[in-house]
Amino acid sequence: MKATWRLPSARDTERLGMALARSCPWDERAPRLVFLSGELGAGKTTLAAALLQGLGVAEPVRSPSYALIETYGVHAGEAVHVDLYRLHGADELQQLGLRDYLNARTLLLVEWPERAGIALPPPDLVVRLETITTDGAVGRNACIEARSEAGETWLALTCGALPNQI
């Protein structure tokens, strides 16, 4: 299943993040994984921050660009926000200890997953943010693809919560 939303403003990106938070299917046996892709400035961190806040993170959400990994306690478990932009391959991913976070009731949001090659487990959702220009106004599209059974459920619930897709 795939769905695409037009996001003319940062507020629209935040609404999508909140809808994803509300429909997240937590699991007692396995983590949930979301891959966030797109060029620099496309809104990956904005979407991740809104999703995390929607899960109950009250503190300011920090971009993991320099620390690479930021963890947050959320109402249903733990959320881990990862930025792999500065990685140069799968070998460096192992040094981060990301496998330690692949636990039940854990959500991993991974920016720049393509930097890890095939070293990451398969995601539940792949979110591709694209910057677009329409009539001189800059906005973005979010294309989301489900890649697991849990991802199919998650995306269907998100589409129901935020129906204005294109």
C-alpha atoms as a PDB file:
ATOM      1  CA  MET A   1       0.000   0.000   0.000  1.00  0.00           C
ATOM      2  CA  LYS A   2       1.169   3.510  -0.837  1.00  0.00           C
ATOM      3  CA  ALA A   3      -0.216   6.950  -0.102  1.00  0.00           C
ATOM      4  CA  THR A   4       0.919  10.480  -0.940  1.00  0.00           C
ATOM      5  CA  TRP A   5       0.101  13.747   0.799  1.00  0.00           C
ATOM      6  CA  ARG A   6       0.756  17.273  -0.440  1.00  0.00           C
ATOM      7  CA  LEU A   7       2.298  19.285   2.416  1.00  0.00           C
ATOM      8  CA  PRO A   8       2.323  22.975   1.469  1.00  0.00           C
ATOM      9  CA  SER A   9       3.623  24.088   4.879  1.00  0.00           C
ATOM     10  CA  ALA A  10       5.651  22.856   7.828  1.00  0.00           C
ATOM     11  CA  ARG A  11       2.379  22.739   9.786  1.00  0.00           C
ATOM     12  CA  ASP A  12       1.007  20.214   7.277  1.00  0.00           C
ATOM     13  CA  THR A  13       4.151  18.103   7.744  1.00  0.00           C
ATOM     14  CA  GLU A  14       3.575  18.250  11.504  1.00  0.00           C
ATOM     15  CA  ARG A  15      -0.052  17.131  11.047  1.00  0.00           C
ATOM     16  CA  LEU A  16       1.141  14.083   9.128  1.00  0.00           C
ATOM     17  CA  GLY A  17       3.650  13.288  11.884  1.00  0.00           C
ATOM     18  CA  MET A  18       0.903  13.537  14.512  1.00  0.00           C
ATOM     19  CA  ALA A  19      -1.390  11.268  12.454  1.00  0.00           C
ATOM     20  CA  LEU A  20       1.406   8.689  12.217  1.00  0.00           C
ATOM     21  CA  ALA A  21       1.878   8.888  15.991  1.00  0.00           C
ATOM     22  CA  ARG A  22      -1.816   8.335  16.713  1.00  0.00           C
ATOM     23  CA  SER A  23      -1.953   5.253  14.484  1.00  0.00           C
ATOM     24  CA  CYS A  24       1.374   3.604  15.439  1.00  0.00           C
ATOM     25  CA  PRO A  25       0.784  -0.135  15.993  1.00  0.00           C
ATOM     26  CA  TRP A  26       3.051  -0.905  18.950  1.00  0.00           C
ATOM     27  CA  ASP A  27       4.116  -4.521  19.294  1.00  0.00           C
ATOM     28  CA  GLU A  28       5.065  -6.598  22.326  1.00  0.00           C
ATOM     29  CA  ARG A  29       7.364  -8.781  20.190  1.00  0.00           C
ATOM     30  CA  ALA A  30       9.139  -6.532  17.691  1.00  0.00           C
ATOM     31  CA  PRO A  31      10.191  -2.936  17.062  1.00  0.00           C
ATOM     32  CA  ARG A  32       8.520  -0.645  14.547  1.00  0.00           C
ATOM     33  CA  LEU A  33      10.845   0.875  11.932  1.00  0.00           C
ATOM     34  CA  VAL A  34      10.247   3.981   9.818  1.00  0.00           C
ATOM     35  CA  PHE A  35      12.735   5.070   7.164  1.00  0.00           C
ATOM     36  CA  LEU A  36      12.739   8.810   6.365  1.00  0.00           C
ATOM     37  CA  SER A  37      14.318   9.786   3.049  1.00  0.00           C
ATOM     38  CA  GLY A  38      14.600  13.022   1.126  1.00  0.00           C
ATOM     39  CA  GLU A  39      17.056  15.754   0.287  1.00  0.00           C
ATOM     40  CA  LEU A  40      18.475  18.120   2.889  1.00  0.00           C
ATOM     41  CA  GLY A  41      15.734  20.454   4.115  1.00  0.00           C
ATOM     42  CA  ALA A  42      12.885  18.262   2.844  1.00  0.00           C
ATOM     43  CA  GLY A  43      11.280  18.018   6.302  1.00  0.00           C
ATOM     44  CA  LYS A  44      12.488  14.681   7.692  1.00  0.00           C
ATOM     45  CA  THR A  45      13.337  16.084  11.114  1.00  0.00           C
ATOM     46  CA  THR A  46      10.146  18.188  11.198  1.00  0.00           C
ATOM     47  CA  LEU A  47       8.073  15.076  10.541  1.00  0.00           C
ATOM     48  CA  ALA A  48      10.031  13.022  13.090  1.00  0.00           C
ATOM     49  CA  ALA A  49       9.722  15.723  15.755  1.00  0.00           C
ATOM     50  CA  ALA A  50       5.947  15.962  15.286  1.00  0.00           C
ATOM     51  CA  LEU A  51       5.626  12.174  15.416  1.00  0.00           C
ATOM     52  CA  LEU A  52       7.657  12.032  18.624  1.00  0.00           C
ATOM     53  CA  GLN A  53       5.641  14.833  20.202  1.00  0.00           C
ATOM     54  CA  GLY A  54       2.472  12.996  19.197  1.00  0.00           C
ATOM     55  CA  LEU A  55       3.785   9.964  21.088  1.00  0.00           C
ATOM     56  CA  GLY A  56       4.117  12.028  24.254  1.00  0.00           C
ATOM     57  CA  VAL A  57       7.630  13.479  24.131  1.00  0.00           C
ATOM     58  CA  ALA A  58       7.292  16.693  26.132  1.00  0.00           C
ATOM     59  CA  GLU A  59      10.915  17.841  25.919  1.00  0.00           C
ATOM     60  CA  PRO A  60      12.242  19.595  22.813  1.00  0.00           C
ATOM     61  CA  VAL A  61      13.079  17.070  20.096  1.00  0.00           C
ATOM     62  CA  ARG A  62      16.701  17.452  19.070  1.00  0.00           C
ATOM     63  CA  SER A  63      17.972  16.717  15.602  1.00  0.00           C
ATOM     64  CA  PRO A  64      20.277  13.697  15.862  1.00  0.00           C
ATOM     65  CA  SER A  65      22.563  15.072  13.136  1.00  0.00           C
ATOM     66  CA  TYR A  66      25.565  15.354  15.473  1.00  0.00           C
ATOM     67  CA  ALA A  67      24.811  12.822  18.222  1.00  0.00           C
ATOM     68  CA  LEU A  68      23.530  10.391  15.537  1.00  0.00           C
ATOM     69  CA  ILE A  69      21.079   8.784  18.014  1.00  0.00           C
ATOM     70  CA  GLU A  70      18.565  10.429  20.352  1.00  0.00           C
ATOM     71  CA  THR A  71      16.301   8.322  22.577  1.00  0.00           C
ATOM     72  CA  TYR A  72      12.988   9.308  24.144  1.00  0.00           C
ATOM     73  CA  GLY A  73      10.619   7.656  26.570  1.00  0.00           C
ATOM     74  CA  VAL A  74       7.112   7.682  25.117  1.00  0.00           C
ATOM     75  CA  HIS A  75       3.755   6.582  26.508  1.00  0.00           C
ATOM     76  CA  ALA A  76       3.922   3.163  24.837  1.00  0.00           C
ATOM     77  CA  GLY A  77       7.633   2.370  25.138  1.00  0.00           C
ATOM     78  CA  GLU A  78      10.768   3.941  23.693  1.00  0.00           C
ATOM     79  CA  ALA A  79      11.401   5.973  20.544  1.00  0.00           C
ATOM     80  CA  VAL A  80      14.820   6.165  18.927  1.00  0.00           C
ATOM     81  CA  HIS A  81      15.560   8.897  16.377  1.00  0.00           C
ATOM     82  CA  VAL A  82      18.607   8.145  14.228  1.00  0.00           C
ATOM     83  CA  ASP A  83      20.329  10.287  11.587  1.00  0.00           C
ATOM     84  CA  LEU A  84      22.737   8.367   9.353  1.00  0.00           C
ATOM     85  CA  TYR A  85      23.703  11.294   7.104  1.00  0.00           C
ATOM     86  CA  ARG A  86      27.314  11.328   8.323  1.00  0.00           C
ATOM     87  CA  LEU A  87      27.773   7.563   7.998  1.00  0.00           C
ATOM     88  CA  HIS A  88      30.035   6.258   5.276  1.00  0.00           C
ATOM     89  CA  GLY A  89      28.798   2.676   5.199  1.00  0.00           C
ATOM     90  CA  ALA A  90      27.298  -0.280   6.995  1.00  0.00           C
ATOM     91  CA  ASP A  91      30.464  -0.892   9.054  1.00  0.00           C
ATOM     92  CA  GLU A  92      29.954   2.401  10.887  1.00  0.00           C
ATOM     93  CA  LEU A  93      26.351   1.452  11.606  1.00  0.00           C
ATOM     94  CA  GLN A  94      27.499  -1.526  13.660  1.00  0.00           C
ATOM     95  CA  GLN A  95      29.693   0.778  15.744  1.00  0.00           C
ATOM     96  CA  LEU A  96      26.604   2.806  16.695  1.00  0.00           C
ATOM     97  CA  GLY A  97      25.099  -0.208  18.440  1.00  0.00           C
ATOM     98  CA  LEU A  98      21.767   0.239  16.679  1.00  0.00           C
ATOM     99  CA  ARG A  99      20.956  -3.461  17.177  1.00  0.00           C
ATOM    100  CA  ASP A 100      20.676  -2.721  20.921  1.00  0.00           C
ATOM    101  CA  TYR A 101      17.543  -0.689  20.163  1.00  0.00           C
ATOM    102  CA  LEU A 102      15.728  -3.379  18.159  1.00  0.00           C
ATOM    103  CA  ASN A 103      13.429  -4.291  21.046  1.00  0.00           C
ATOM    104  CA  ALA A 104       9.725  -4.800  21.533  1.00  0.00           C
ATOM    105  CA  ARG A 105       7.714  -1.615  22.114  1.00  0.00           C
ATOM    106  CA  THR A 106      10.412   0.456  20.443  1.00  0.00           C
ATOM    107  CA  LEU A 107       9.954   2.782  17.475  1.00  0.00           C
ATOM    108  CA  LEU A 108      13.016   3.567  15.362  1.00  0.00           C
ATOM    109  CA  LEU A 109      12.864   6.620  13.108  1.00  0.00           C
ATOM    110  CA  VAL A 110      15.827   6.444  10.739  1.00  0.00           C
ATOM    111  CA  GLU A 111      16.792   9.452   8.628  1.00  0.00           C
ATOM    112  CA  TRP A 112      19.036   8.753   5.629  1.00  0.00           C
ATOM    113  CA  PRO A 113      18.596   4.932   5.768  1.00  0.00           C
ATOM    114  CA  GLU A 114      20.246   4.595   2.355  1.00  0.00           C
ATOM    115  CA  ARG A 115      23.593   5.378   4.057  1.00  0.00           C
ATOM    116  CA  ALA A 116      23.404   2.004   5.841  1.00  0.00           C
ATOM    117  CA  GLY A 117      23.079  -0.096   2.702  1.00  0.00           C
ATOM    118  CA  ILE A 118      21.409  -3.385   3.574  1.00  0.00           C
ATOM    119  CA  ALA A 119      22.598  -3.397   7.195  1.00  0.00           C
ATOM    120  CA  LEU A 120      19.246  -2.227   8.598  1.00  0.00           C
ATOM    121  CA  PRO A 121      16.302  -4.561   9.158  1.00  0.00           C
ATOM    122  CA  PRO A 122      13.351  -4.102   6.782  1.00  0.00           C
ATOM    123  CA  PRO A 123      11.147  -1.118   7.673  1.00  0.00           C
ATOM    124  CA  ASP A 124       7.440  -1.072   8.343  1.00  0.00           C
ATOM    125  CA  LEU A 125       7.079   2.269   6.557  1.00  0.00           C
ATOM    126  CA  VAL A 126       9.233   4.155   4.074  1.00  0.00           C
ATOM    127  CA  VAL A 127       8.525   7.893   3.997  1.00  0.00           C
ATOM    128  CA  ARG A 128       9.953   9.833   1.052  1.00  0.00           C
ATOM    129  CA  LEU A 129       9.727  13.622   1.381  1.00  0.00           C
ATOM    130  CA  GLU A 130      10.143  15.595  -1.836  1.00  0.00           C
ATOM    131  CA  THR A 131      10.420  19.359  -2.158  1.00  0.00           C
ATOM    132  CA  ILE A 132       8.113  20.691  -4.874  1.00  0.00           C
ATOM    133  CA  THR A 133       7.394  24.104  -6.364  1.00  0.00           C
ATOM    134  CA  THR A 134       3.837  24.899  -7.447  1.00  0.00           C
ATOM    135  CA  ASP A 135       2.991  28.306  -8.884  1.00  0.00           C
ATOM    136  CA  GLY A 136       6.138  29.761  -7.295  1.00  0.00           C
ATOM    137  CA  ALA A 137       5.323  28.392  -3.826  1.00  0.00           C
ATOM    138  CA  VAL A 138       7.646  25.824  -2.271  1.00  0.00           C
ATOM    139  CA  GLY A 139       6.080  22.879  -0.463  1.00  0.00           C
ATOM    140  CA  ARG A 140       6.606  19.160  -0.255  1.00  0.00           C
ATOM    141  CA  ASN A 141       5.004  15.831  -0.938  1.00  0.00           C
ATOM    142  CA  ALA A 142       5.200  12.898   1.438  1.00  0.00           C
ATOM    143  CA  CYS A 143       5.009   9.513  -0.247  1.00  0.00           C
ATOM    144  CA  ILE A 144       4.578   6.682   2.256  1.00  0.00           C
ATOM    145  CA  GLU A 145       4.895   3.015   1.387  1.00  0.00           C
ATOM    146  CA  ALA A 146       4.044   0.150   3.729  1.00  0.00           C
ATOM    147  CA  ARG A 147       6.613  -2.647   3.685  1.00  0.00           C
ATOM    148  CA  SER A 148       5.228  -5.036   6.330  1.00  0.00           C
ATOM    149  CA  GLU A 149       1.895  -6.256   7.626  1.00  0.00           C
ATOM    150  CA  ALA A 150       2.194  -3.844  10.560  1.00  0.00           C
ATOM    151  CA  GLY A 151       3.086  -1.104   8.079  1.00  0.00           C
ATOM    152  CA  GLU A 152      -0.061  -1.847   6.042  1.00  0.00           C
ATOM    153  CA  THR A 153      -2.197  -1.469   9.179  1.00  0.00           C
ATOM    154  CA  TRP A 154      -0.321   1.659  10.220  1.00  0.00           C
ATOM    155  CA  LEU A 155      -0.682   3.342   6.840  1.00  0.00           C
ATOM    156  CA  ALA A 156      -4.381   2.424   6.541  1.00  0.00           C
ATOM    157  CA  LEU A 157      -5.063   3.947   9.967  1.00  0.00           C
ATOM    158  CA  THR A 158      -3.064   7.069   9.043  1.00  0.00           C
ATOM    159  CA  CYS A 159      -5.031   7.462   5.802  1.00  0.00           C
ATOM    160  CA  GLY A 160      -8.228   7.282   7.841  1.00  0.00           C
ATOM    161  CA  ALA A 161      -6.950   9.902  10.301  1.00  0.00           C
ATOM    162  CA  LEU A 162      -5.578  12.250   7.625  1.00  0.00           C
ATOM    163  CA  PRO A 163      -7.622  11.604   4.481  1.00  0.00           C
ATOM    164  CA  ASN A 164      -6.470  14.551   2.331  1.00  0.00           C
ATOM    165  CA  GLN A 165      -4.035  12.528   0.286  1.00  0.00           C
ATOM    166  CA  ILE A 166      -3.355  13.053  -3.421  1.00  0.00           C
END
